[in-house]
């Protein structure tokens, strides 16, 4: 009597494989279903006798002590301390937690720093803040170190810059992302001017007789004058909008000429009305 499961399956499949018996006929003679016989016969055609043998169990996975840190974490601890020895144990633990999700205890950090691997780098990763020619690169370094878990005080000490500089860089990064790393102009924006009562009264006079201002203006301008870039009626409509709403010049709608053109033309009209 057969005891080996592989030999038993082969004896069931042999009439189908060698003599051409159909899986349906063989299923009627045995206790195995037609679908199983059909599947095992196809598998035998592809892999041979190996398809009848039981699969080999996977190799045992060695148990790891959860209290021991993986080699990459140990190496990162040593490299961080070598890069900036003033990092405290608490800051090194925060860096490990940010990068690997593990926060070792101060006792573990002392043990690794005393008996751990050698540092992979013997020089600084980044130069000092003032030694970098590109103004964008030191800001990228600040963002990168902060993303690795460094504190503002440690970044300022490592790069030899002020904490205010580090804080301002991170604030611009949060608000503007990569656009906040570029240099910006320190020129003060000119304050938008509001119209006065005298200009409003003059516009009302012009509204009663619109052709008056246009005639006096056109008589002083040549056909190729650069001030004719915008239609005079549209410029006048922009001025009427300012008078009607009492808003600032910079708040002029986009469907009207630029506020600067309307403002400059208003000043010209005021000079003409004084004639």
C-alpha atoms as a PDB file:
ATOM      1  CA  UNK A   1       0.000   0.000   0.000  1.00  0.00           C
ATOM      2  CA  UNK A   2       1.416   3.364  -1.049  1.00  0.00           C
ATOM      3  CA  UNK A   3       2.221   5.815   1.735  1.00  0.00           C
ATOM      4  CA  UNK A   4       4.205   8.482  -0.111  1.00  0.00           C
ATOM      5  CA  UNK A   5       1.886  11.354  -1.155  1.00  0.00           C
ATOM      6  CA  UNK A   6       3.947  12.069  -4.264  1.00  0.00           C
ATOM      7  CA  UNK A   7       3.689   8.439  -5.419  1.00  0.00           C
ATOM      8  CA  UNK A   8      -0.062   8.421  -4.717  1.00  0.00           C
ATOM      9  CA  UNK A   9      -0.635  11.542  -6.822  1.00  0.00           C
ATOM     10  CA  UNK A  10       1.497  10.128  -9.619  1.00  0.00           C
ATOM     11  CA  UNK A  11      -0.498   6.891  -9.699  1.00  0.00           C
ATOM     12  CA  UNK A  12      -3.682   8.962 -10.010  1.00  0.00           C
ATOM     13  CA  UNK A  13      -2.249  11.050 -12.841  1.00  0.00           C
ATOM     14  CA  UNK A  14      -0.430   8.284 -14.717  1.00  0.00           C
ATOM     15  CA  UNK A  15      -3.396   7.093 -16.846  1.00  0.00           C
ATOM     16  CA  UNK A  16      -3.994  10.697 -17.871  1.00  0.00           C
ATOM     17  CA  UNK A  17      -0.332  11.411 -18.610  1.00  0.00           C
ATOM     18  CA  UNK A  18       0.615   8.153 -20.313  1.00  0.00           C
ATOM     19  CA  UNK A  19      -2.528   6.540 -21.714  1.00  0.00           C
ATOM     20  CA  UNK A  20      -4.582   9.552 -22.698  1.00  0.00           C
ATOM     21  CA  UNK A  21      -7.412   9.033 -20.236  1.00  0.00           C
ATOM     22  CA  UNK A  22      -9.483  12.159 -19.732  1.00  0.00           C
ATOM     23  CA  UNK A  23      -9.561  13.911 -16.327  1.00  0.00           C
ATOM     24  CA  UNK A  24     -13.308  13.344 -16.211  1.00  0.00           C
ATOM     25  CA  UNK A  25     -12.947   9.586 -16.600  1.00  0.00           C
ATOM     26  CA  UNK A  26     -10.119   9.408 -14.083  1.00  0.00           C
ATOM     27  CA  UNK A  27     -12.113  11.502 -11.585  1.00  0.00           C
ATOM     28  CA  UNK A  28     -14.941   8.983 -11.792  1.00  0.00           C
ATOM     29  CA  UNK A  29     -12.487   6.207 -10.865  1.00  0.00           C
ATOM     30  CA  UNK A  30     -10.820   8.051  -8.005  1.00  0.00           C
ATOM     31  CA  UNK A  31     -11.831  10.357  -5.191  1.00  0.00           C
ATOM     32  CA  UNK A  32     -10.002  13.348  -6.740  1.00  0.00           C
ATOM     33  CA  UNK A  33     -12.030  16.013  -8.523  1.00  0.00           C
ATOM     34  CA  UNK A  34     -11.824  16.538 -12.275  1.00  0.00           C
ATOM     35  CA  UNK A  35     -10.509  20.084 -11.879  1.00  0.00           C
ATOM     36  CA  UNK A  36      -7.720  18.975  -9.511  1.00  0.00           C
ATOM     37  CA  UNK A  37      -6.617  16.215 -11.897  1.00  0.00           C
ATOM     38  CA  UNK A  38      -6.605  18.643 -14.817  1.00  0.00           C
ATOM     39  CA  UNK A  39      -4.576  21.202 -12.817  1.00  0.00           C
ATOM     40  CA  UNK A  40      -2.012  18.683 -11.538  1.00  0.00           C
ATOM     41  CA  UNK A  41      -1.591  17.149 -15.001  1.00  0.00           C
ATOM     42  CA  UNK A  42      -0.781  20.531 -16.526  1.00  0.00           C
ATOM     43  CA  UNK A  43       1.598  21.288 -13.648  1.00  0.00           C
ATOM     44  CA  UNK A  44       3.329  17.926 -14.198  1.00  0.00           C
ATOM     45  CA  UNK A  45       3.849  18.736 -17.886  1.00  0.00           C
ATOM     46  CA  UNK A  46       5.625  21.955 -16.867  1.00  0.00           C
ATOM     47  CA  UNK A  47       7.696  20.910 -13.834  1.00  0.00           C
ATOM     48  CA  UNK A  48       7.811  17.109 -13.960  1.00  0.00           C
ATOM     49  CA  UNK A  49       8.100  15.100 -10.746  1.00  0.00           C
ATOM     50  CA  UNK A  50       9.036  18.253  -8.813  1.00  0.00           C
ATOM     51  CA  UNK A  51       5.394  19.358  -9.049  1.00  0.00           C
ATOM     52  CA  UNK A  52       4.369  16.331  -6.936  1.00  0.00           C
ATOM     53  CA  UNK A  53       6.836  16.989  -4.127  1.00  0.00           C
ATOM     54  CA  UNK A  54       5.805  19.186  -1.185  1.00  0.00           C
ATOM     55  CA  UNK A  55       7.322  22.701  -1.229  1.00  0.00           C
ATOM     56  CA  UNK A  56      10.425  23.235   0.822  1.00  0.00           C
ATOM     57  CA  UNK A  57       9.874  25.278   3.980  1.00  0.00           C
ATOM     58  CA  UNK A  58      11.448  28.736   3.978  1.00  0.00           C
ATOM     59  CA  UNK A  59      14.698  29.145   5.858  1.00  0.00           C
ATOM     60  CA  UNK A  60      14.267  30.175   9.459  1.00  0.00           C
ATOM     61  CA  UNK A  61      14.512  33.907  10.071  1.00  0.00           C
ATOM     62  CA  UNK A  62      16.984  34.706  12.803  1.00  0.00           C
ATOM     63  CA  UNK A  63      15.406  36.494  15.691  1.00  0.00           C
ATOM     64  CA  UNK A  64      16.613  40.000  16.257  1.00  0.00           C
ATOM     65  CA  UNK A  65      16.837  41.604  19.610  1.00  0.00           C
ATOM     66  CA  UNK A  66      14.592  44.676  19.479  1.00  0.00           C
ATOM     67  CA  UNK A  67      16.785  46.326  22.063  1.00  0.00           C
ATOM     68  CA  UNK A  68      19.784  46.377  19.703  1.00  0.00           C
ATOM     69  CA  UNK A  69      19.960  49.113  17.064  1.00  0.00           C
ATOM     70  CA  UNK A  70      20.453  48.203  13.389  1.00  0.00           C
ATOM     71  CA  UNK A  71      23.867  49.003  11.891  1.00  0.00           C
ATOM     72  CA  UNK A  72      22.568  51.988   9.836  1.00  0.00           C
ATOM     73  CA  UNK A  73      21.240  53.630  13.001  1.00  0.00           C
ATOM     74  CA  UNK A  74      24.486  53.027  14.855  1.00  0.00           C
ATOM     75  CA  UNK A  75      26.462  54.497  11.965  1.00  0.00           C
ATOM     76  CA  UNK A  76      24.198  57.560  11.819  1.00  0.00           C
ATOM     77  CA  UNK A  77      24.744  58.194  15.531  1.00  0.00           C
ATOM     78  CA  UNK A  78      28.524  58.104  15.164  1.00  0.00           C
ATOM     79  CA  UNK A  79      28.475  60.267  12.013  1.00  0.00           C
ATOM     80  CA  UNK A  80      26.234  62.908  13.603  1.00  0.00           C
ATOM     81  CA  UNK A  81      28.504  63.200  16.618  1.00  0.00           C
ATOM     82  CA  UNK A  82      31.612  63.363  14.435  1.00  0.00           C
ATOM     83  CA  UNK A  83      30.067  66.017  12.196  1.00  0.00           C
ATOM     84  CA  UNK A  84      29.085  68.293  15.104  1.00  0.00           C
ATOM     85  CA  UNK A  85      30.407  67.178  18.509  1.00  0.00           C
ATOM     86  CA  UNK A  86      28.298  69.822  20.294  1.00  0.00           C
ATOM     87  CA  UNK A  87      25.119  67.868  19.567  1.00  0.00           C
ATOM     88  CA  UNK A  88      23.576  66.714  22.821  1.00  0.00           C
ATOM     89  CA  UNK A  89      22.459  63.143  23.395  1.00  0.00           C
ATOM     90  CA  UNK A  90      18.847  64.272  23.327  1.00  0.00           C
ATOM     91  CA  UNK A  91      19.350  65.917  19.929  1.00  0.00           C
ATOM     92  CA  UNK A  92      21.076  62.827  18.523  1.00  0.00           C
ATOM     93  CA  UNK A  93      18.148  60.710  19.754  1.00  0.00           C
ATOM     94  CA  UNK A  94      15.723  63.095  18.018  1.00  0.00           C
ATOM     95  CA  UNK A  95      17.732  62.832  14.782  1.00  0.00           C
ATOM     96  CA  UNK A  96      17.550  59.017  14.972  1.00  0.00           C
ATOM     97  CA  UNK A  97      13.812  59.138  15.576  1.00  0.00           C
ATOM     98  CA  UNK A  98      13.284  61.498  12.617  1.00  0.00           C
ATOM     99  CA  UNK A  99      15.297  59.365  10.211  1.00  0.00           C
ATOM    100  CA  UNK A 100      14.683  55.796  11.442  1.00  0.00           C
ATOM    101  CA  UNK A 101      11.746  55.925  13.854  1.00  0.00           C
ATOM    102  CA  UNK A 102      13.961  54.736  16.741  1.00  0.00           C
ATOM    103  CA  UNK A 103      14.769  56.904  19.751  1.00  0.00           C
ATOM    104  CA  UNK A 104      17.635  55.341  21.701  1.00  0.00           C
ATOM    105  CA  UNK A 105      18.216  56.158  25.347  1.00  0.00           C
ATOM    106  CA  UNK A 106      21.139  58.303  26.516  1.00  0.00           C
ATOM    107  CA  UNK A 107      22.794  55.181  27.987  1.00  0.00           C
ATOM    108  CA  UNK A 108      22.607  53.448  24.591  1.00  0.00           C
ATOM    109  CA  UNK A 109      24.002  56.491  22.812  1.00  0.00           C
ATOM    110  CA  UNK A 110      26.958  56.688  25.184  1.00  0.00           C
ATOM    111  CA  UNK A 111      27.671  52.993  24.645  1.00  0.00           C
ATOM    112  CA  UNK A 112      27.536  53.315  20.845  1.00  0.00           C
ATOM    113  CA  UNK A 113      29.746  56.405  20.828  1.00  0.00           C
ATOM    114  CA  UNK A 114      32.262  54.564  22.977  1.00  0.00           C
ATOM    115  CA  UNK A 115      32.263  51.183  21.216  1.00  0.00           C
ATOM    116  CA  UNK A 116      30.435  51.840  17.957  1.00  0.00           C
ATOM    117  CA  UNK A 117      31.742  51.884  14.380  1.00  0.00           C
ATOM    118  CA  UNK A 118      34.159  54.467  13.080  1.00  0.00           C
ATOM    119  CA  UNK A 119      32.787  57.612  11.381  1.00  0.00           C
ATOM    120  CA  UNK A 120      32.424  57.363   7.639  1.00  0.00           C
ATOM    121  CA  UNK A 121      33.457  61.010   7.184  1.00  0.00           C
ATOM    122  CA  UNK A 122      36.393  62.779   8.752  1.00  0.00           C
ATOM    123  CA  UNK A 123      35.390  66.226   7.394  1.00  0.00           C
ATOM    124  CA  UNK A 124      32.299  68.421   7.665  1.00  0.00           C
ATOM    125  CA  UNK A 125      29.338  67.705   5.440  1.00  0.00           C
ATOM    126  CA  UNK A 126      28.676  71.404   4.819  1.00  0.00           C
ATOM    127  CA  UNK A 127      30.937  74.460   5.095  1.00  0.00           C
ATOM    128  CA  UNK A 128      30.128  77.443   7.253  1.00  0.00           C
ATOM    129  CA  UNK A 129      27.324  79.789   6.268  1.00  0.00           C
ATOM    130  CA  UNK A 130      29.626  82.595   5.144  1.00  0.00           C
ATOM    131  CA  UNK A 131      31.914  80.257   3.188  1.00  0.00           C
ATOM    132  CA  UNK A 132      29.213  79.344   0.653  1.00  0.00           C
ATOM    133  CA  UNK A 133      29.200  81.615  -2.413  1.00  0.00           C
ATOM    134  CA  UNK A 134      25.734  80.687  -3.664  1.00  0.00           C
ATOM    135  CA  UNK A 135      23.183  82.467  -1.422  1.00  0.00           C
ATOM    136  CA  UNK A 136      20.569  79.789  -2.089  1.00  0.00           C
ATOM    137  CA  UNK A 137      22.730  76.828  -1.048  1.00  0.00           C
ATOM    138  CA  UNK A 138      23.096  77.721   2.661  1.00  0.00           C
ATOM    139  CA  UNK A 139      19.327  78.108   2.917  1.00  0.00           C
ATOM    140  CA  UNK A 140      18.910  74.650   1.430  1.00  0.00           C
ATOM    141  CA  UNK A 141      21.379  73.323   4.002  1.00  0.00           C
ATOM    142  CA  UNK A 142      19.329  74.864   6.818  1.00  0.00           C
ATOM    143  CA  UNK A 143      16.146  73.231   5.519  1.00  0.00           C
ATOM    144  CA  UNK A 144      17.889  69.870   5.050  1.00  0.00           C
ATOM    145  CA  UNK A 145      19.368  69.821   8.552  1.00  0.00           C
ATOM    146  CA  UNK A 146      16.043  70.792  10.065  1.00  0.00           C
ATOM    147  CA  UNK A 147      14.334  67.990   8.118  1.00  0.00           C
ATOM    148  CA  UNK A 148      16.898  65.552   9.547  1.00  0.00           C
ATOM    149  CA  UNK A 149      15.884  66.518  13.091  1.00  0.00           C
ATOM    150  CA  UNK A 150      18.413  69.228  13.955  1.00  0.00           C
ATOM    151  CA  UNK A 151      17.251  72.040  16.233  1.00  0.00           C
ATOM    152  CA  UNK A 152      17.540  75.716  15.322  1.00  0.00           C
ATOM    153  CA  UNK A 153      20.255  76.258  17.927  1.00  0.00           C
ATOM    154  CA  UNK A 154      22.329  73.338  16.617  1.00  0.00           C
ATOM    155  CA  UNK A 155      21.955  74.471  13.000  1.00  0.00           C
ATOM    156  CA  UNK A 156      23.046  77.994  13.937  1.00  0.00           C
ATOM    157  CA  UNK A 157      26.049  76.688  15.849  1.00  0.00           C
ATOM    158  CA  UNK A 158      27.043  74.223  13.136  1.00  0.00           C
ATOM    159  CA  UNK A 159      26.886  76.788  10.322  1.00  0.00           C
ATOM    160  CA  UNK A 160      28.180  79.617  12.553  1.00  0.00           C
ATOM    161  CA  UNK A 161      25.258  81.922  11.841  1.00  0.00           C
ATOM    162  CA  UNK A 162      22.567  83.527  13.979  1.00  0.00           C
ATOM    163  CA  UNK A 163      19.432  81.820  15.180  1.00  0.00           C
ATOM    164  CA  UNK A 164      17.412  84.657  13.647  1.00  0.00           C
ATOM    165  CA  UNK A 165      18.798  83.747  10.214  1.00  0.00           C
ATOM    166  CA  UNK A 166      17.885  80.095  10.667  1.00  0.00           C
ATOM    167  CA  UNK A 167      14.427  80.950  11.970  1.00  0.00           C
ATOM    168  CA  UNK A 168      13.744  83.408   9.123  1.00  0.00           C
ATOM    169  CA  UNK A 169      14.886  80.853   6.525  1.00  0.00           C
ATOM    170  CA  UNK A 170      12.629  78.138   7.937  1.00  0.00           C
ATOM    171  CA  UNK A 171       9.715  80.555   8.144  1.00  0.00           C
ATOM    172  CA  UNK A 172      10.120  81.523   4.474  1.00  0.00           C
ATOM    173  CA  UNK A 173      10.378  77.827   3.575  1.00  0.00           C
ATOM    174  CA  UNK A 174       7.106  77.031   5.367  1.00  0.00           C
ATOM    175  CA  UNK A 175       5.298  79.938   3.701  1.00  0.00           C
ATOM    176  CA  UNK A 176       6.780  79.833   0.169  1.00  0.00           C
ATOM    177  CA  UNK A 177       8.567  76.469  -0.181  1.00  0.00           C
ATOM    178  CA  UNK A 178      11.360  76.624  -2.816  1.00  0.00           C
ATOM    179  CA  UNK A 179      10.450  80.191  -3.809  1.00  0.00           C
ATOM    180  CA  UNK A 180      11.397  81.293  -0.305  1.00  0.00           C
ATOM    181  CA  UNK A 181      15.011  80.182  -0.820  1.00  0.00           C
ATOM    182  CA  UNK A 182      15.701  82.751  -3.530  1.00  0.00           C
ATOM    183  CA  UNK A 183      17.022  86.236  -2.878  1.00  0.00           C
ATOM    184  CA  UNK A 184      14.458  88.994  -2.673  1.00  0.00           C
ATOM    185  CA  UNK A 185      14.734  92.713  -3.260  1.00  0.00           C
ATOM    186  CA  UNK A 186      14.879  94.899  -0.151  1.00  0.00           C
ATOM    187  CA  UNK A 187      13.424  97.913  -1.971  1.00  0.00           C
ATOM    188  CA  UNK A 188      10.411  99.299  -0.166  1.00  0.00           C
ATOM    189  CA  UNK A 189       7.195  99.167  -2.124  1.00  0.00           C
ATOM    190  CA  UNK A 190       5.781 102.559  -2.931  1.00  0.00           C
ATOM    191  CA  UNK A 191       2.592 103.233  -1.052  1.00  0.00           C
ATOM    192  CA  UNK A 192      -0.477 103.537  -3.235  1.00  0.00           C
ATOM    193  CA  UNK A 193      -1.771 107.117  -3.297  1.00  0.00           C
ATOM    194  CA  UNK A 194      -5.408 108.053  -2.815  1.00  0.00           C
ATOM    195  CA  UNK A 195      -7.191 110.733  -4.812  1.00  0.00           C
ATOM    196  CA  UNK A 196      -8.124 114.019  -3.130  1.00  0.00           C
ATOM    197  CA  UNK A 197     -11.306 116.127  -3.144  1.00  0.00           C
ATOM    198  CA  UNK A 198      -9.932 118.583  -5.695  1.00  0.00           C
ATOM    199  CA  UNK A 199      -9.280 115.829  -8.214  1.00  0.00           C
ATOM    200  CA  UNK A 200     -12.748 114.393  -7.587  1.00  0.00           C
ATOM    201  CA  UNK A 201     -14.382 117.787  -8.325  1.00  0.00           C
ATOM    202  CA  UNK A 202     -12.367 118.141 -11.513  1.00  0.00           C
ATOM    203  CA  UNK A 203     -13.447 114.697 -12.640  1.00  0.00           C
ATOM    204  CA  UNK A 204     -17.073 115.625 -11.980  1.00  0.00           C
ATOM    205  CA  UNK A 205     -16.658 118.702 -14.209  1.00  0.00           C
ATOM    206  CA  UNK A 206     -15.161 116.517 -16.887  1.00  0.00           C
ATOM    207  CA  UNK A 207     -18.025 114.045 -16.510  1.00  0.00           C
ATOM    208  CA  UNK A 208     -20.508 116.853 -17.267  1.00  0.00           C
ATOM    209  CA  UNK A 209     -18.615 117.682 -20.446  1.00  0.00           C
ATOM    210  CA  UNK A 210     -16.388 114.703 -21.314  1.00  0.00           C
ATOM    211  CA  UNK A 211     -15.230 116.197 -24.607  1.00  0.00           C
ATOM    212  CA  UNK A 212     -13.657 119.177 -22.827  1.00  0.00           C
ATOM    213  CA  UNK A 213     -10.825 117.281 -21.190  1.00  0.00           C
ATOM    214  CA  UNK A 214     -10.292 115.046 -24.188  1.00  0.00           C
ATOM    215  CA  UNK A 215     -10.086 118.014 -26.544  1.00  0.00           C
ATOM    216  CA  UNK A 216      -7.628 119.916 -24.383  1.00  0.00           C
ATOM    217  CA  UNK A 217      -5.539 116.823 -23.890  1.00  0.00           C
ATOM    218  CA  UNK A 218      -5.452 115.822 -27.552  1.00  0.00           C
ATOM    219  CA  UNK A 219      -4.460 119.270 -28.657  1.00  0.00           C
ATOM    220  CA  UNK A 220      -1.248 118.910 -26.633  1.00  0.00           C
ATOM    221  CA  UNK A 221      -0.347 115.377 -27.782  1.00  0.00           C
ATOM    222  CA  UNK A 222       0.993 114.165 -31.116  1.00  0.00           C
ATOM    223  CA  UNK A 223      -0.328 111.081 -32.874  1.00  0.00           C
ATOM    224  CA  UNK A 224       2.791 109.012 -32.038  1.00  0.00           C
ATOM    225  CA  UNK A 225       2.966 110.054 -28.368  1.00  0.00           C
ATOM    226  CA  UNK A 226       3.720 107.103 -26.042  1.00  0.00           C
ATOM    227  CA  UNK A 227       0.899 108.209 -23.734  1.00  0.00           C
ATOM    228  CA  UNK A 228      -1.584 107.010 -26.380  1.00  0.00           C
ATOM    229  CA  UNK A 229      -0.797 103.375 -25.538  1.00  0.00           C
ATOM    230  CA  UNK A 230      -4.193 103.065 -23.833  1.00  0.00           C
ATOM    231  CA  UNK A 231      -7.507 104.317 -25.143  1.00  0.00           C
ATOM    232  CA  UNK A 232      -8.334 107.704 -23.655  1.00  0.00           C
ATOM    233  CA  UNK A 233     -11.916 106.727 -22.899  1.00  0.00           C
ATOM    234  CA  UNK A 234     -10.750 103.620 -21.010  1.00  0.00           C
ATOM    235  CA  UNK A 235      -8.300 105.734 -19.008  1.00  0.00           C
ATOM    236  CA  UNK A 236     -11.073 108.147 -18.157  1.00  0.00           C
ATOM    237  CA  UNK A 237     -13.331 105.240 -17.118  1.00  0.00           C
ATOM    238  CA  UNK A 238     -10.601 104.078 -14.762  1.00  0.00           C
ATOM    239  CA  UNK A 239     -10.458 107.523 -13.192  1.00  0.00           C
ATOM    240  CA  UNK A 240     -14.231 107.562 -12.797  1.00  0.00           C
ATOM    241  CA  UNK A 241     -14.029 104.188 -11.025  1.00  0.00           C
ATOM    242  CA  UNK A 242     -11.496 105.595  -8.545  1.00  0.00           C
ATOM    243  CA  UNK A 243     -13.740 108.608  -7.843  1.00  0.00           C
ATOM    244  CA  UNK A 244     -16.862 106.475  -7.502  1.00  0.00           C
ATOM    245  CA  UNK A 245     -15.407 103.818  -5.202  1.00  0.00           C
ATOM    246  CA  UNK A 246     -12.835 105.880  -3.310  1.00  0.00           C
ATOM    247  CA  UNK A 247     -10.477 102.861  -3.468  1.00  0.00           C
ATOM    248  CA  UNK A 248      -6.720 102.896  -3.781  1.00  0.00           C
ATOM    249  CA  UNK A 249      -5.122 103.117  -7.183  1.00  0.00           C
ATOM    250  CA  UNK A 250      -3.599  99.629  -6.959  1.00  0.00           C
ATOM    251  CA  UNK A 251      -7.074  98.104  -6.467  1.00  0.00           C
ATOM    252  CA  UNK A 252      -8.205  99.068  -9.981  1.00  0.00           C
ATOM    253  CA  UNK A 253      -9.891  96.130 -11.816  1.00  0.00           C
ATOM    254  CA  UNK A 254      -7.949  94.273 -14.492  1.00  0.00           C
ATOM    255  CA  UNK A 255     -10.465  95.105 -17.231  1.00  0.00           C
ATOM    256  CA  UNK A 256      -9.360  98.759 -17.013  1.00  0.00           C
ATOM    257  CA  UNK A 257      -5.953 100.173 -17.982  1.00  0.00           C
ATOM    258  CA  UNK A 258      -3.121  99.761 -15.468  1.00  0.00           C
ATOM    259  CA  UNK A 259      -3.488 101.928 -12.406  1.00  0.00           C
ATOM    260  CA  UNK A 260      -0.108 103.599 -13.021  1.00  0.00           C
ATOM    261  CA  UNK A 261      -1.221 104.752 -16.486  1.00  0.00           C
ATOM    262  CA  UNK A 262      -4.504 106.122 -15.111  1.00  0.00           C
ATOM    263  CA  UNK A 263      -2.713 107.873 -12.245  1.00  0.00           C
ATOM    264  CA  UNK A 264      -0.133 109.500 -14.527  1.00  0.00           C
ATOM    265  CA  UNK A 265      -2.813 110.627 -16.962  1.00  0.00           C
ATOM    266  CA  UNK A 266      -4.820 112.121 -14.092  1.00  0.00           C
ATOM    267  CA  UNK A 267      -1.833 114.241 -13.131  1.00  0.00           C
ATOM    268  CA  UNK A 268      -1.531 115.454 -16.725  1.00  0.00           C
ATOM    269  CA  UNK A 269      -5.201 116.398 -16.789  1.00  0.00           C
ATOM    270  CA  UNK A 270      -4.784 118.337 -13.573  1.00  0.00           C
ATOM    271  CA  UNK A 271      -1.923 120.305 -15.108  1.00  0.00           C
ATOM    272  CA  UNK A 272      -4.046 121.042 -18.205  1.00  0.00           C
ATOM    273  CA  UNK A 273      -6.964 122.299 -16.103  1.00  0.00           C
ATOM    274  CA  UNK A 274      -4.673 124.771 -14.379  1.00  0.00           C
ATOM    275  CA  UNK A 275      -3.909 126.447 -17.751  1.00  0.00           C
END
